Amino acid sequence: MEKKKISTKEYLQFFIVMTVILGSLATFVYYRTQERKKDVKEIFDDYSLTKGIITKVSFYKGKNIRVRYKVDGKNIDGGNDIKELMGKNVGDSLWIKYSNKNPEKFITELSVKYR
């Protein structure tokens, strides 16, 4: 069976498709990062501290924990990316800083941006 030679046009089409895919991915990551920076700024502008409970630990595509905490009698569940577990496990308590404007926005003591 004879191999088909790839034409310049096909190389160009492949290059354009890959550029669009990678550009889209880079744009998505950039805007997600900017959004998270705004959330962290909002938290530090006006925050309160509370204790929460780790409900789940995940190592799929990075380290992530799920936590539950209570604000004004309302239970709030959410996730937070972390660098290290620092000896914490499911069921352990941890400190949480949350935005007074929007309590669903929070960071845990395990987050790099907590301090």
N, C-alpha and C. Protein backbone atom coordinates (compact mmCIF):
# COMPACT_ATOMS: atom_id res chain seq x y z
N MET A 1 0.84 -1.17 0.00
CA MET A 1 0.00 0.00 0.00
C MET A 1 0.89 1.23 0.00
N GLU A 2 0.58 2.16 -0.84
CA GLU A 2 1.37 3.37 -1.01
C GLU A 2 0.91 4.44 -0.03
N LYS A 3 1.88 5.10 0.60
CA LYS A 3 1.55 6.18 1.53
C LYS A 3 1.21 7.44 0.75
N LYS A 4 0.16 8.12 1.24
CA LYS A 4 -0.24 9.37 0.60
C LYS A 4 0.61 10.50 1.18
N LYS A 5 1.14 11.30 0.31
CA LYS A 5 1.94 12.44 0.75
C LYS A 5 1.00 13.56 1.22
N ILE A 6 1.33 14.15 2.36
CA ILE A 6 0.50 15.23 2.90
C ILE A 6 0.87 16.52 2.19
N SER A 7 -0.15 17.20 1.72
CA SER A 7 0.08 18.43 0.95
C SER A 7 0.29 19.62 1.88
N THR A 8 0.82 20.67 1.30
CA THR A 8 1.03 21.92 2.04
C THR A 8 -0.30 22.46 2.54
N LYS A 9 -1.33 22.34 1.75
CA LYS A 9 -2.67 22.81 2.13
C LYS A 9 -3.15 22.06 3.38
N GLU A 10 -2.92 20.75 3.43
CA GLU A 10 -3.34 19.96 4.58
C GLU A 10 -2.54 20.34 5.83
N TYR A 11 -1.25 20.59 5.67
CA TYR A 11 -0.44 21.06 6.80
C TYR A 11 -0.98 22.39 7.31
N LEU A 12 -1.30 23.29 6.41
CA LEU A 12 -1.82 24.60 6.77
C LEU A 12 -3.17 24.48 7.50
N GLN A 13 -4.06 23.61 7.00
CA GLN A 13 -5.35 23.40 7.65
C GLN A 13 -5.15 22.85 9.07
N PHE A 14 -4.26 21.89 9.20
CA PHE A 14 -3.97 21.32 10.52
C PHE A 14 -3.44 22.40 11.47
N PHE A 15 -2.51 23.22 10.98
CA PHE A 15 -1.93 24.29 11.78
C PHE A 15 -3.00 25.27 12.23
N ILE A 16 -3.90 25.65 11.35
CA ILE A 16 -4.97 26.60 11.69
C ILE A 16 -5.91 26.00 12.74
N VAL A 17 -6.30 24.75 12.54
CA VAL A 17 -7.19 24.10 13.50
C VAL A 17 -6.53 24.02 14.88
N MET A 18 -5.28 23.61 14.93
CA MET A 18 -4.57 23.52 16.21
C MET A 18 -4.41 24.89 16.86
N THR A 19 -4.14 25.92 16.06
CA THR A 19 -4.02 27.27 16.59
C THR A 19 -5.33 27.73 17.22
N VAL A 20 -6.44 27.46 16.56
CA VAL A 20 -7.75 27.84 17.09
C VAL A 20 -8.04 27.08 18.39
N ILE A 21 -7.76 25.79 18.42
CA ILE A 21 -8.02 24.99 19.62
C ILE A 21 -7.16 25.48 20.79
N LEU A 22 -5.86 25.63 20.57
CA LEU A 22 -4.97 26.07 21.63
C LEU A 22 -5.27 27.51 22.07
N GLY A 23 -5.60 28.36 21.11
CA GLY A 23 -5.97 29.74 21.45
C GLY A 23 -7.23 29.79 22.29
N SER A 24 -8.20 28.96 21.95
CA SER A 24 -9.45 28.90 22.73
C SER A 24 -9.17 28.42 24.15
N LEU A 25 -8.36 27.40 24.27
CA LEU A 25 -8.01 26.87 25.58
C LEU A 25 -7.27 27.92 26.42
N ALA A 26 -6.32 28.59 25.81
CA ALA A 26 -5.55 29.63 26.52
C ALA A 26 -6.47 30.77 26.96
N THR A 27 -7.40 31.17 26.12
CA THR A 27 -8.35 32.23 26.45
C THR A 27 -9.23 31.81 27.62
N PHE A 28 -9.72 30.56 27.58
CA PHE A 28 -10.56 30.05 28.66
C PHE A 28 -9.80 30.06 29.99
N VAL A 29 -8.57 29.57 30.00
CA VAL A 29 -7.76 29.52 31.22
C VAL A 29 -7.50 30.94 31.73
N TYR A 30 -7.19 31.86 30.82
CA TYR A 30 -6.92 33.24 31.21
C TYR A 30 -8.14 33.86 31.90
N TYR A 31 -9.31 33.73 31.30
CA TYR A 31 -10.51 34.34 31.88
C TYR A 31 -10.93 33.66 33.17
N ARG A 32 -10.73 32.35 33.30
CA ARG A 32 -11.02 31.66 34.58
C ARG A 32 -10.08 32.17 35.67
N THR A 33 -8.82 32.37 35.33
CA THR A 33 -7.85 32.87 36.30
C THR A 33 -8.22 34.29 36.74
N GLN A 34 -8.60 35.13 35.79
CA GLN A 34 -9.00 36.50 36.11
C GLN A 34 -10.24 36.51 37.00
N GLU A 35 -11.18 35.62 36.70
CA GLU A 35 -12.41 35.53 37.49
C GLU A 35 -12.08 35.12 38.93
N ARG A 36 -11.19 34.16 39.09
CA ARG A 36 -10.82 33.71 40.44
C ARG A 36 -10.09 34.81 41.19
N LYS A 37 -9.25 35.59 40.50
CA LYS A 37 -8.55 36.70 41.15
C LYS A 37 -9.55 37.72 41.67
N LYS A 38 -10.61 38.00 40.88
CA LYS A 38 -11.65 38.93 41.33
C LYS A 38 -12.37 38.39 42.55
N ASP A 39 -12.65 37.08 42.55
CA ASP A 39 -13.32 36.46 43.69
C ASP A 39 -12.47 36.58 44.96
N VAL A 40 -11.18 36.30 44.84
CA VAL A 40 -10.27 36.37 45.99
C VAL A 40 -10.17 37.81 46.49
N LYS A 41 -10.12 38.77 45.58
CA LYS A 41 -10.08 40.17 45.98
C LYS A 41 -11.36 40.55 46.73
N GLU A 42 -12.50 40.10 46.22
CA GLU A 42 -13.78 40.37 46.89
C GLU A 42 -13.79 39.78 48.30
N ILE A 43 -13.24 38.59 48.45
CA ILE A 43 -13.19 37.95 49.76
C ILE A 43 -12.33 38.78 50.71
N PHE A 44 -11.13 39.19 50.28
CA PHE A 44 -10.23 39.92 51.16
C PHE A 44 -10.68 41.36 51.42
N ASP A 45 -11.51 41.93 50.55
CA ASP A 45 -12.03 43.28 50.78
C ASP A 45 -12.97 43.32 51.98
N ASP A 46 -13.76 42.26 52.18
CA ASP A 46 -14.72 42.22 53.28
C ASP A 46 -15.05 40.76 53.58
N TYR A 47 -14.35 40.18 54.56
CA TYR A 47 -14.55 38.75 54.83
C TYR A 47 -14.85 38.49 56.29
N SER A 48 -15.37 37.31 56.53
CA SER A 48 -15.55 36.78 57.88
C SER A 48 -14.91 35.40 57.92
N LEU A 49 -14.59 34.96 59.12
CA LEU A 49 -14.00 33.63 59.33
C LEU A 49 -15.04 32.71 59.95
N THR A 50 -14.99 31.46 59.56
CA THR A 50 -15.83 30.44 60.17
C THR A 50 -15.11 29.10 60.07
N LYS A 51 -15.61 28.14 60.78
CA LYS A 51 -15.08 26.78 60.70
C LYS A 51 -15.95 25.98 59.75
N GLY A 52 -15.33 25.12 58.95
CA GLY A 52 -16.04 24.25 58.04
C GLY A 52 -15.56 22.83 58.19
N ILE A 53 -16.23 21.92 57.52
CA ILE A 53 -15.90 20.49 57.56
C ILE A 53 -15.53 20.03 56.16
N ILE A 54 -14.46 19.27 56.03
CA ILE A 54 -14.09 18.66 54.74
C ILE A 54 -15.05 17.51 54.48
N THR A 55 -15.75 17.54 53.35
CA THR A 55 -16.70 16.48 53.02
C THR A 55 -16.18 15.53 51.94
N LYS A 56 -15.18 15.97 51.17
CA LYS A 56 -14.63 15.12 50.11
C LYS A 56 -13.25 15.63 49.73
N VAL A 57 -12.37 14.69 49.41
CA VAL A 57 -11.03 15.02 48.91
C VAL A 57 -10.88 14.34 47.56
N SER A 58 -10.41 15.08 46.56
CA SER A 58 -10.25 14.54 45.22
C SER A 58 -8.87 14.89 44.67
N PHE A 59 -8.25 13.93 44.02
CA PHE A 59 -6.95 14.16 43.39
C PHE A 59 -7.04 14.07 41.88
N TYR A 60 -8.26 14.06 41.35
CA TYR A 60 -8.47 13.98 39.91
C TYR A 60 -8.25 15.35 39.29
N LYS A 61 -7.32 15.47 38.36
CA LYS A 61 -6.97 16.73 37.70
C LYS A 61 -6.60 17.80 38.72
N GLY A 62 -5.73 17.46 39.64
CA GLY A 62 -5.29 18.40 40.66
C GLY A 62 -5.87 18.03 42.01
N LYS A 63 -5.53 18.79 43.02
CA LYS A 63 -6.02 18.53 44.37
C LYS A 63 -7.19 19.46 44.66
N ASN A 64 -8.29 18.87 45.08
CA ASN A 64 -9.50 19.64 45.34
C ASN A 64 -10.20 19.07 46.56
N ILE A 65 -10.77 19.95 47.37
CA ILE A 65 -11.58 19.48 48.49
C ILE A 65 -12.98 20.08 48.38
N ARG A 66 -13.93 19.37 48.91
CA ARG A 66 -15.30 19.87 49.07
C ARG A 66 -15.48 20.13 50.56
N VAL A 67 -16.10 21.25 50.87
CA VAL A 67 -16.32 21.62 52.27
C VAL A 67 -17.78 22.04 52.48
N ARG A 68 -18.18 22.00 53.74
CA ARG A 68 -19.51 22.49 54.14
C ARG A 68 -19.30 23.41 55.33
N TYR A 69 -19.94 24.57 55.28
CA TYR A 69 -19.87 25.51 56.39
C TYR A 69 -21.21 26.22 56.51
N LYS A 70 -21.42 26.88 57.63
CA LYS A 70 -22.70 27.50 57.91
C LYS A 70 -22.52 29.01 58.06
N VAL A 71 -23.38 29.77 57.36
CA VAL A 71 -23.39 31.23 57.47
C VAL A 71 -24.84 31.65 57.69
N ASP A 72 -25.09 32.36 58.78
CA ASP A 72 -26.44 32.83 59.12
C ASP A 72 -27.47 31.71 59.07
N GLY A 73 -27.13 30.55 59.60
CA GLY A 73 -28.05 29.42 59.66
C GLY A 73 -28.21 28.65 58.36
N LYS A 74 -27.52 29.07 57.30
CA LYS A 74 -27.62 28.40 56.00
C LYS A 74 -26.36 27.58 55.74
N ASN A 75 -26.55 26.29 55.41
CA ASN A 75 -25.41 25.44 55.05
C ASN A 75 -24.97 25.75 53.63
N ILE A 76 -23.67 25.91 53.46
CA ILE A 76 -23.09 26.19 52.14
C ILE A 76 -22.08 25.09 51.83
N ASP A 77 -22.22 24.50 50.65
CA ASP A 77 -21.28 23.49 50.17
C ASP A 77 -20.51 24.08 49.00
N GLY A 78 -19.22 23.79 48.92
CA GLY A 78 -18.43 24.27 47.81
C GLY A 78 -17.10 23.56 47.71
N GLY A 79 -16.41 23.83 46.62
CA GLY A 79 -15.10 23.23 46.37
C GLY A 79 -14.01 24.27 46.37
N ASN A 80 -12.80 23.83 46.64
CA ASN A 80 -11.65 24.72 46.68
C ASN A 80 -10.41 23.94 46.25
N ASP A 81 -9.63 24.52 45.33
CA ASP A 81 -8.35 23.91 44.94
C ASP A 81 -7.35 24.14 46.06
N ILE A 82 -6.52 23.14 46.28
CA ILE A 82 -5.54 23.24 47.35
C ILE A 82 -4.17 22.80 46.84
N LYS A 83 -3.14 23.18 47.58
CA LYS A 83 -1.79 22.74 47.24
C LYS A 83 -1.44 21.47 48.00
N GLU A 84 -1.74 21.45 49.30
CA GLU A 84 -1.45 20.29 50.14
C GLU A 84 -2.59 20.07 51.12
N LEU A 85 -2.77 18.83 51.56
CA LEU A 85 -3.79 18.52 52.57
C LEU A 85 -3.34 18.90 53.97
N MET A 86 -2.04 18.99 54.18
CA MET A 86 -1.46 19.36 55.47
C MET A 86 -2.04 18.52 56.62
N GLY A 87 -2.16 17.22 56.38
CA GLY A 87 -2.61 16.31 57.42
C GLY A 87 -4.12 16.26 57.62
N LYS A 88 -4.87 16.98 56.81
CA LYS A 88 -6.33 17.01 56.94
C LYS A 88 -6.95 15.87 56.14
N ASN A 89 -8.08 15.37 56.62
CA ASN A 89 -8.82 14.30 55.97
C ASN A 89 -10.31 14.62 55.98
N VAL A 90 -11.08 13.80 55.30
CA VAL A 90 -12.53 13.96 55.30
C VAL A 90 -13.04 13.91 56.74
N GLY A 91 -13.90 14.87 57.09
CA GLY A 91 -14.44 14.94 58.44
C GLY A 91 -13.70 15.91 59.34
N ASP A 92 -12.50 16.33 58.94
CA ASP A 92 -11.73 17.29 59.74
C ASP A 92 -12.28 18.70 59.53
N SER A 93 -12.10 19.53 60.55
CA SER A 93 -12.53 20.93 60.43
C SER A 93 -11.36 21.78 59.94
N LEU A 94 -11.71 22.92 59.36
CA LEU A 94 -10.70 23.85 58.87
C LEU A 94 -11.29 25.25 58.83
N TRP A 95 -10.41 26.24 58.83
CA TRP A 95 -10.85 27.63 58.77
C TRP A 95 -11.21 28.02 57.34
N ILE A 96 -12.24 28.83 57.23
CA ILE A 96 -12.71 29.31 55.93
C ILE A 96 -12.90 30.82 56.01
N LYS A 97 -12.37 31.53 55.02
CA LYS A 97 -12.65 32.95 54.84
C LYS A 97 -13.69 33.04 53.74
N TYR A 98 -14.81 33.73 54.01
CA TYR A 98 -15.84 33.88 53.00
C TYR A 98 -16.21 35.35 52.85
N SER A 99 -16.70 35.68 51.68
CA SER A 99 -17.10 37.05 51.38
C SER A 99 -18.39 37.38 52.11
N ASN A 100 -18.43 38.53 52.79
CA ASN A 100 -19.66 38.95 53.44
C ASN A 100 -20.74 39.33 52.43
N LYS A 101 -20.32 39.78 51.25
CA LYS A 101 -21.29 40.13 50.19
C LYS A 101 -21.91 38.89 49.58
N ASN A 102 -21.10 37.87 49.38
CA ASN A 102 -21.55 36.64 48.73
C ASN A 102 -20.88 35.46 49.44
N PRO A 103 -21.53 34.91 50.48
CA PRO A 103 -20.90 33.85 51.27
C PRO A 103 -20.53 32.58 50.50
N GLU A 104 -21.05 32.40 49.28
CA GLU A 104 -20.67 31.24 48.48
C GLU A 104 -19.25 31.35 47.94
N LYS A 105 -18.68 32.55 47.98
CA LYS A 105 -17.29 32.75 47.56
C LYS A 105 -16.41 32.63 48.79
N PHE A 106 -15.48 31.68 48.75
CA PHE A 106 -14.67 31.40 49.93
C PHE A 106 -13.31 30.84 49.54
N ILE A 107 -12.40 30.85 50.51
CA ILE A 107 -11.13 30.14 50.40
C ILE A 107 -10.89 29.46 51.75
N THR A 108 -10.21 28.32 51.70
CA THR A 108 -9.94 27.59 52.94
C THR A 108 -8.51 27.83 53.38
N GLU A 109 -8.23 27.42 54.60
CA GLU A 109 -6.87 27.57 55.12
C GLU A 109 -5.85 26.76 54.34
N LEU A 110 -6.31 25.79 53.53
CA LEU A 110 -5.41 24.97 52.74
C LEU A 110 -5.06 25.62 51.39
N SER A 111 -5.74 26.71 51.06
CA SER A 111 -5.50 27.42 49.80
C SER A 111 -4.22 28.24 49.90
N VAL A 112 -3.50 28.33 48.81
CA VAL A 112 -2.28 29.13 48.77
C VAL A 112 -2.60 30.60 49.03
N LYS A 113 -3.77 31.07 48.61
CA LYS A 113 -4.14 32.47 48.72
C LYS A 113 -4.77 32.83 50.07
N TYR A 114 -4.86 31.90 50.99
CA TYR A 114 -5.55 32.13 52.26
C TYR A 114 -4.90 33.22 53.09
N ARG A 115 -3.58 33.25 53.16
CA ARG A 115 -2.88 34.17 54.04
C ARG A 115 -2.82 35.55 53.53
